[in-house]
Amino acid sequence: MASGRIGKADLLAATNTTVYTTPADTFTVATVSFCNRGNQAVTVRLAVADTATPDNSEYVEYETEILSHGVLERTDLVLSATQLLVAHSSATNVSAVVSGIETSTA
């Protein structure tokens, strides 16, 4: 089972991006860090979702503002087998990095 950095993405503007998928027969405890590398504030979203297109009930962050060169970190996210972490940014120049540990349920 993996541990450490388990996912990453350079987010596109206004696009849902799956940054991590929990393997079958596994659960994951994860932290997601958003880094705004740009010169303007952005808003981000983060969902623990069952599909790559989250429904409104799956968001844990929604339109949360990150100032220029700022960071947002969301900790202690627990994902069941096959669940996804889906990130979204209002602009480019935003990184999403997932770190955590996967544990077998088999």
N, C-alpha and C. Protein backbone atom coordinates (compact mmCIF):
# COMPACT_ATOMS: atom_id res chain seq x y z
N MET A 1 0.84 -1.17 0.00
CA MET A 1 0.00 0.00 0.00
C MET A 1 0.88 1.24 0.00
N ALA A 2 0.42 2.25 -0.67
CA ALA A 2 1.19 3.48 -0.84
C ALA A 2 1.07 4.39 0.39
N SER A 3 2.08 5.22 0.57
CA SER A 3 2.05 6.28 1.57
C SER A 3 2.94 7.40 1.08
N GLY A 4 2.77 8.58 1.67
CA GLY A 4 3.50 9.76 1.20
C GLY A 4 2.64 10.51 0.20
N ARG A 5 3.26 11.05 -0.85
CA ARG A 5 2.49 11.74 -1.89
C ARG A 5 1.81 10.69 -2.75
N ILE A 6 0.49 10.75 -2.80
CA ILE A 6 -0.27 9.75 -3.54
C ILE A 6 -1.04 10.34 -4.72
N GLY A 7 -0.98 11.65 -4.88
CA GLY A 7 -1.64 12.28 -6.03
C GLY A 7 -1.19 13.72 -6.18
N LYS A 8 -1.30 14.23 -7.42
CA LYS A 8 -0.94 15.63 -7.66
C LYS A 8 -1.53 16.06 -8.99
N ALA A 9 -1.75 17.37 -9.14
CA ALA A 9 -2.25 17.91 -10.40
C ALA A 9 -1.96 19.41 -10.46
N ASP A 10 -1.69 19.88 -11.68
CA ASP A 10 -1.65 21.30 -11.98
C ASP A 10 -3.03 21.60 -12.56
N LEU A 11 -3.89 22.26 -11.78
CA LEU A 11 -5.29 22.39 -12.14
C LEU A 11 -5.51 23.32 -13.31
N LEU A 12 -6.43 22.94 -14.19
CA LEU A 12 -6.89 23.79 -15.27
C LEU A 12 -8.00 24.68 -14.74
N ALA A 13 -8.20 25.82 -15.36
CA ALA A 13 -9.25 26.75 -14.93
C ALA A 13 -10.63 26.15 -15.19
N ALA A 14 -11.50 26.27 -14.18
CA ALA A 14 -12.91 25.91 -14.31
C ALA A 14 -13.14 24.48 -14.79
N THR A 15 -12.29 23.55 -14.33
CA THR A 15 -12.37 22.15 -14.76
C THR A 15 -12.24 21.24 -13.55
N ASN A 16 -13.17 20.28 -13.41
CA ASN A 16 -13.02 19.28 -12.36
C ASN A 16 -11.85 18.36 -12.72
N THR A 17 -10.97 18.12 -11.75
CA THR A 17 -9.81 17.27 -11.95
C THR A 17 -9.75 16.23 -10.84
N THR A 18 -9.74 14.96 -11.19
CA THR A 18 -9.57 13.90 -10.20
C THR A 18 -8.09 13.84 -9.85
N VAL A 19 -7.77 14.17 -8.60
CA VAL A 19 -6.37 14.18 -8.17
C VAL A 19 -5.97 12.90 -7.46
N TYR A 20 -6.98 12.08 -7.09
CA TYR A 20 -6.66 10.80 -6.44
C TYR A 20 -7.89 9.90 -6.50
N THR A 21 -7.65 8.60 -6.69
CA THR A 21 -8.70 7.59 -6.63
C THR A 21 -8.25 6.49 -5.67
N THR A 22 -9.08 6.18 -4.70
CA THR A 22 -8.76 5.12 -3.75
C THR A 22 -8.85 3.76 -4.44
N PRO A 23 -7.83 2.92 -4.34
CA PRO A 23 -7.90 1.58 -4.94
C PRO A 23 -9.01 0.73 -4.32
N ALA A 24 -9.43 -0.28 -5.06
CA ALA A 24 -10.40 -1.25 -4.53
C ALA A 24 -9.80 -1.96 -3.31
N ASP A 25 -10.64 -2.42 -2.41
CA ASP A 25 -10.23 -3.14 -1.20
C ASP A 25 -9.25 -2.33 -0.34
N THR A 26 -9.45 -1.01 -0.33
CA THR A 26 -8.55 -0.11 0.38
C THR A 26 -9.35 1.05 0.96
N PHE A 27 -8.86 1.60 2.06
CA PHE A 27 -9.34 2.92 2.47
C PHE A 27 -8.12 3.81 2.62
N THR A 28 -8.35 5.12 2.52
CA THR A 28 -7.25 6.08 2.52
C THR A 28 -7.54 7.19 3.51
N VAL A 29 -6.50 7.62 4.22
CA VAL A 29 -6.56 8.84 5.02
C VAL A 29 -5.62 9.82 4.34
N ALA A 30 -6.17 10.99 3.96
CA ALA A 30 -5.42 11.90 3.10
C ALA A 30 -5.49 13.34 3.56
N THR A 31 -4.51 14.10 3.09
CA THR A 31 -4.46 15.55 3.23
C THR A 31 -4.30 16.12 1.83
N VAL A 32 -5.04 17.20 1.54
CA VAL A 32 -4.92 17.87 0.24
C VAL A 32 -4.42 19.29 0.48
N SER A 33 -3.37 19.67 -0.24
CA SER A 33 -2.84 21.03 -0.19
C SER A 33 -3.03 21.69 -1.54
N PHE A 34 -3.68 22.85 -1.53
CA PHE A 34 -3.79 23.69 -2.72
C PHE A 34 -2.76 24.80 -2.58
N CYS A 35 -2.02 25.07 -3.65
CA CYS A 35 -1.04 26.15 -3.66
C CYS A 35 -1.36 27.07 -4.84
N ASN A 36 -1.66 28.32 -4.54
CA ASN A 36 -1.92 29.32 -5.58
C ASN A 36 -0.59 29.94 -5.97
N ARG A 37 -0.08 29.56 -7.13
CA ARG A 37 1.20 30.05 -7.61
C ARG A 37 1.06 31.37 -8.36
N GLY A 38 -0.16 31.83 -8.55
CA GLY A 38 -0.42 33.02 -9.35
C GLY A 38 -0.39 34.32 -8.57
N ASN A 39 -0.62 35.41 -9.30
CA ASN A 39 -0.56 36.75 -8.73
C ASN A 39 -1.93 37.31 -8.37
N GLN A 40 -2.99 36.50 -8.49
CA GLN A 40 -4.34 36.93 -8.15
C GLN A 40 -5.00 35.88 -7.26
N ALA A 41 -5.97 36.32 -6.48
CA ALA A 41 -6.73 35.37 -5.65
C ALA A 41 -7.52 34.43 -6.57
N VAL A 42 -7.71 33.20 -6.11
CA VAL A 42 -8.51 32.20 -6.82
C VAL A 42 -9.50 31.60 -5.84
N THR A 43 -10.50 30.91 -6.37
CA THR A 43 -11.38 30.11 -5.53
C THR A 43 -11.21 28.65 -5.92
N VAL A 44 -11.31 27.79 -4.92
CA VAL A 44 -11.15 26.35 -5.16
C VAL A 44 -12.32 25.59 -4.57
N ARG A 45 -12.49 24.37 -5.09
CA ARG A 45 -13.47 23.43 -4.57
C ARG A 45 -12.76 22.09 -4.37
N LEU A 46 -13.25 21.31 -3.42
CA LEU A 46 -12.72 19.97 -3.19
C LEU A 46 -13.88 19.06 -2.78
N ALA A 47 -13.97 17.91 -3.43
CA ALA A 47 -15.03 16.96 -3.12
C ALA A 47 -14.45 15.57 -2.86
N VAL A 48 -15.05 14.88 -1.91
CA VAL A 48 -14.84 13.44 -1.73
C VAL A 48 -16.03 12.82 -2.44
N ALA A 49 -15.78 12.28 -3.63
CA ALA A 49 -16.88 11.95 -4.54
C ALA A 49 -16.88 10.49 -4.96
N ASP A 50 -18.04 10.07 -5.44
CA ASP A 50 -18.18 8.72 -5.98
C ASP A 50 -17.93 8.68 -7.48
N THR A 51 -18.00 9.84 -8.15
CA THR A 51 -17.72 9.94 -9.58
C THR A 51 -16.88 11.19 -9.83
N ALA A 52 -16.39 11.34 -11.05
CA ALA A 52 -15.56 12.50 -11.40
C ALA A 52 -16.36 13.79 -11.49
N THR A 53 -17.68 13.69 -11.42
CA THR A 53 -18.54 14.87 -11.41
C THR A 53 -19.30 14.88 -10.08
N PRO A 54 -18.77 15.58 -9.08
CA PRO A 54 -19.38 15.54 -7.75
C PRO A 54 -20.78 16.15 -7.74
N ASP A 55 -21.62 15.62 -6.85
CA ASP A 55 -22.89 16.31 -6.61
C ASP A 55 -22.69 17.24 -5.41
N ASN A 56 -23.64 18.11 -5.17
CA ASN A 56 -23.48 19.15 -4.15
C ASN A 56 -23.22 18.61 -2.75
N SER A 57 -23.68 17.42 -2.45
CA SER A 57 -23.50 16.86 -1.11
C SER A 57 -22.09 16.32 -0.86
N GLU A 58 -21.24 16.28 -1.87
CA GLU A 58 -19.91 15.67 -1.74
C GLU A 58 -18.78 16.68 -1.50
N TYR A 59 -19.08 17.98 -1.56
CA TYR A 59 -18.04 19.00 -1.40
C TYR A 59 -17.66 19.19 0.06
N VAL A 60 -16.35 19.26 0.33
CA VAL A 60 -15.84 19.60 1.65
C VAL A 60 -15.26 21.01 1.67
N GLU A 61 -14.99 21.56 0.50
CA GLU A 61 -14.62 22.97 0.30
C GLU A 61 -15.37 23.43 -0.95
N TYR A 62 -15.91 24.66 -0.89
CA TYR A 62 -16.66 25.14 -2.05
C TYR A 62 -16.46 26.65 -2.19
N GLU A 63 -15.85 27.05 -3.30
CA GLU A 63 -15.58 28.47 -3.58
C GLU A 63 -14.80 29.12 -2.44
N THR A 64 -13.83 28.39 -1.92
CA THR A 64 -12.96 28.90 -0.86
C THR A 64 -11.84 29.70 -1.49
N GLU A 65 -11.66 30.93 -1.03
CA GLU A 65 -10.67 31.84 -1.63
C GLU A 65 -9.26 31.56 -1.10
N ILE A 66 -8.31 31.54 -2.02
CA ILE A 66 -6.89 31.46 -1.68
C ILE A 66 -6.22 32.69 -2.27
N LEU A 67 -5.59 33.48 -1.44
CA LEU A 67 -4.92 34.68 -1.91
C LEU A 67 -3.70 34.34 -2.76
N SER A 68 -3.22 35.33 -3.50
CA SER A 68 -2.02 35.16 -4.32
C SER A 68 -0.89 34.57 -3.49
N HIS A 69 -0.27 33.51 -4.02
CA HIS A 69 0.84 32.82 -3.38
C HIS A 69 0.45 32.19 -2.04
N GLY A 70 -0.84 31.95 -1.85
CA GLY A 70 -1.33 31.36 -0.60
C GLY A 70 -1.53 29.86 -0.72
N VAL A 71 -1.83 29.26 0.43
CA VAL A 71 -2.01 27.81 0.53
C VAL A 71 -3.29 27.53 1.32
N LEU A 72 -4.00 26.47 0.91
CA LEU A 72 -5.12 25.93 1.67
C LEU A 72 -4.84 24.46 1.87
N GLU A 73 -4.94 23.98 3.11
CA GLU A 73 -4.71 22.57 3.39
C GLU A 73 -5.94 21.99 4.08
N ARG A 74 -6.39 20.85 3.58
CA ARG A 74 -7.54 20.13 4.15
C ARG A 74 -7.03 18.79 4.63
N THR A 75 -7.15 18.52 5.92
CA THR A 75 -6.58 17.32 6.53
C THR A 75 -7.66 16.33 6.93
N ASP A 76 -7.20 15.12 7.27
CA ASP A 76 -8.05 14.06 7.84
C ASP A 76 -9.24 13.68 6.96
N LEU A 77 -9.02 13.60 5.68
CA LEU A 77 -10.05 13.13 4.76
C LEU A 77 -9.95 11.61 4.68
N VAL A 78 -11.05 10.93 4.97
CA VAL A 78 -11.07 9.47 4.94
C VAL A 78 -11.92 9.04 3.76
N LEU A 79 -11.31 8.26 2.86
CA LEU A 79 -11.98 7.82 1.64
C LEU A 79 -12.15 6.32 1.65
N SER A 80 -13.33 5.88 1.27
CA SER A 80 -13.61 4.46 1.11
C SER A 80 -13.10 3.99 -0.25
N ALA A 81 -13.08 2.69 -0.42
CA ALA A 81 -12.63 2.09 -1.69
C ALA A 81 -13.34 2.74 -2.87
N THR A 82 -12.59 3.07 -3.88
CA THR A 82 -13.00 3.65 -5.16
C THR A 82 -13.47 5.11 -5.09
N GLN A 83 -13.49 5.74 -3.92
CA GLN A 83 -13.86 7.15 -3.87
C GLN A 83 -12.74 8.01 -4.44
N LEU A 84 -13.14 9.19 -4.92
CA LEU A 84 -12.23 10.11 -5.59
C LEU A 84 -12.08 11.40 -4.82
N LEU A 85 -10.92 12.03 -4.95
CA LEU A 85 -10.75 13.42 -4.55
C LEU A 85 -10.78 14.24 -5.84
N VAL A 86 -11.76 15.13 -5.94
CA VAL A 86 -11.95 15.92 -7.14
C VAL A 86 -11.73 17.39 -6.78
N ALA A 87 -10.80 18.03 -7.48
CA ALA A 87 -10.45 19.42 -7.23
C ALA A 87 -10.88 20.30 -8.40
N HIS A 88 -11.08 21.58 -8.10
CA HIS A 88 -11.52 22.55 -9.10
C HIS A 88 -10.94 23.90 -8.70
N SER A 89 -10.50 24.68 -9.68
CA SER A 89 -9.97 26.02 -9.43
C SER A 89 -10.59 26.99 -10.41
N SER A 90 -10.76 28.23 -9.97
CA SER A 90 -11.31 29.26 -10.85
C SER A 90 -10.30 29.76 -11.88
N ALA A 91 -9.03 29.45 -11.68
CA ALA A 91 -7.98 29.94 -12.59
C ALA A 91 -6.84 28.93 -12.66
N THR A 92 -5.92 29.16 -13.57
CA THR A 92 -4.72 28.33 -13.67
C THR A 92 -3.72 28.73 -12.58
N ASN A 93 -2.57 28.10 -12.59
CA ASN A 93 -1.49 28.35 -11.63
C ASN A 93 -1.84 27.89 -10.22
N VAL A 94 -2.63 26.82 -10.12
CA VAL A 94 -2.97 26.24 -8.82
C VAL A 94 -2.56 24.77 -8.83
N SER A 95 -1.79 24.38 -7.84
CA SER A 95 -1.39 22.98 -7.66
C SER A 95 -2.25 22.34 -6.60
N ALA A 96 -2.57 21.07 -6.77
CA ALA A 96 -3.23 20.28 -5.74
C ALA A 96 -2.36 19.06 -5.49
N VAL A 97 -1.94 18.86 -4.25
CA VAL A 97 -1.09 17.75 -3.87
C VAL A 97 -1.78 16.95 -2.77
N VAL A 98 -1.86 15.63 -2.99
CA VAL A 98 -2.49 14.74 -2.02
C VAL A 98 -1.40 13.90 -1.36
N SER A 99 -1.38 13.92 -0.04
CA SER A 99 -0.49 13.02 0.70
C SER A 99 -1.33 12.21 1.67
N GLY A 100 -0.88 11.02 1.95
CA GLY A 100 -1.65 10.19 2.85
C GLY A 100 -1.16 8.76 2.88
N ILE A 101 -2.03 7.89 3.39
CA ILE A 101 -1.69 6.48 3.52
C ILE A 101 -2.89 5.63 3.10
N GLU A 102 -2.60 4.58 2.35
CA GLU A 102 -3.62 3.62 1.93
C GLU A 102 -3.51 2.38 2.81
N THR A 103 -4.66 1.84 3.22
CA THR A 103 -4.69 0.66 4.06
C THR A 103 -5.64 -0.37 3.47
N SER A 104 -5.19 -1.59 3.37
CA SER A 104 -5.99 -2.67 2.79
C SER A 104 -7.15 -3.02 3.72
N THR A 105 -8.30 -3.30 3.12
CA THR A 105 -9.46 -3.77 3.87
C THR A 105 -9.68 -5.26 3.66
N ALA A 106 -8.83 -5.89 2.85
CA ALA A 106 -8.98 -7.32 2.54
C ALA A 106 -8.31 -8.16 3.60
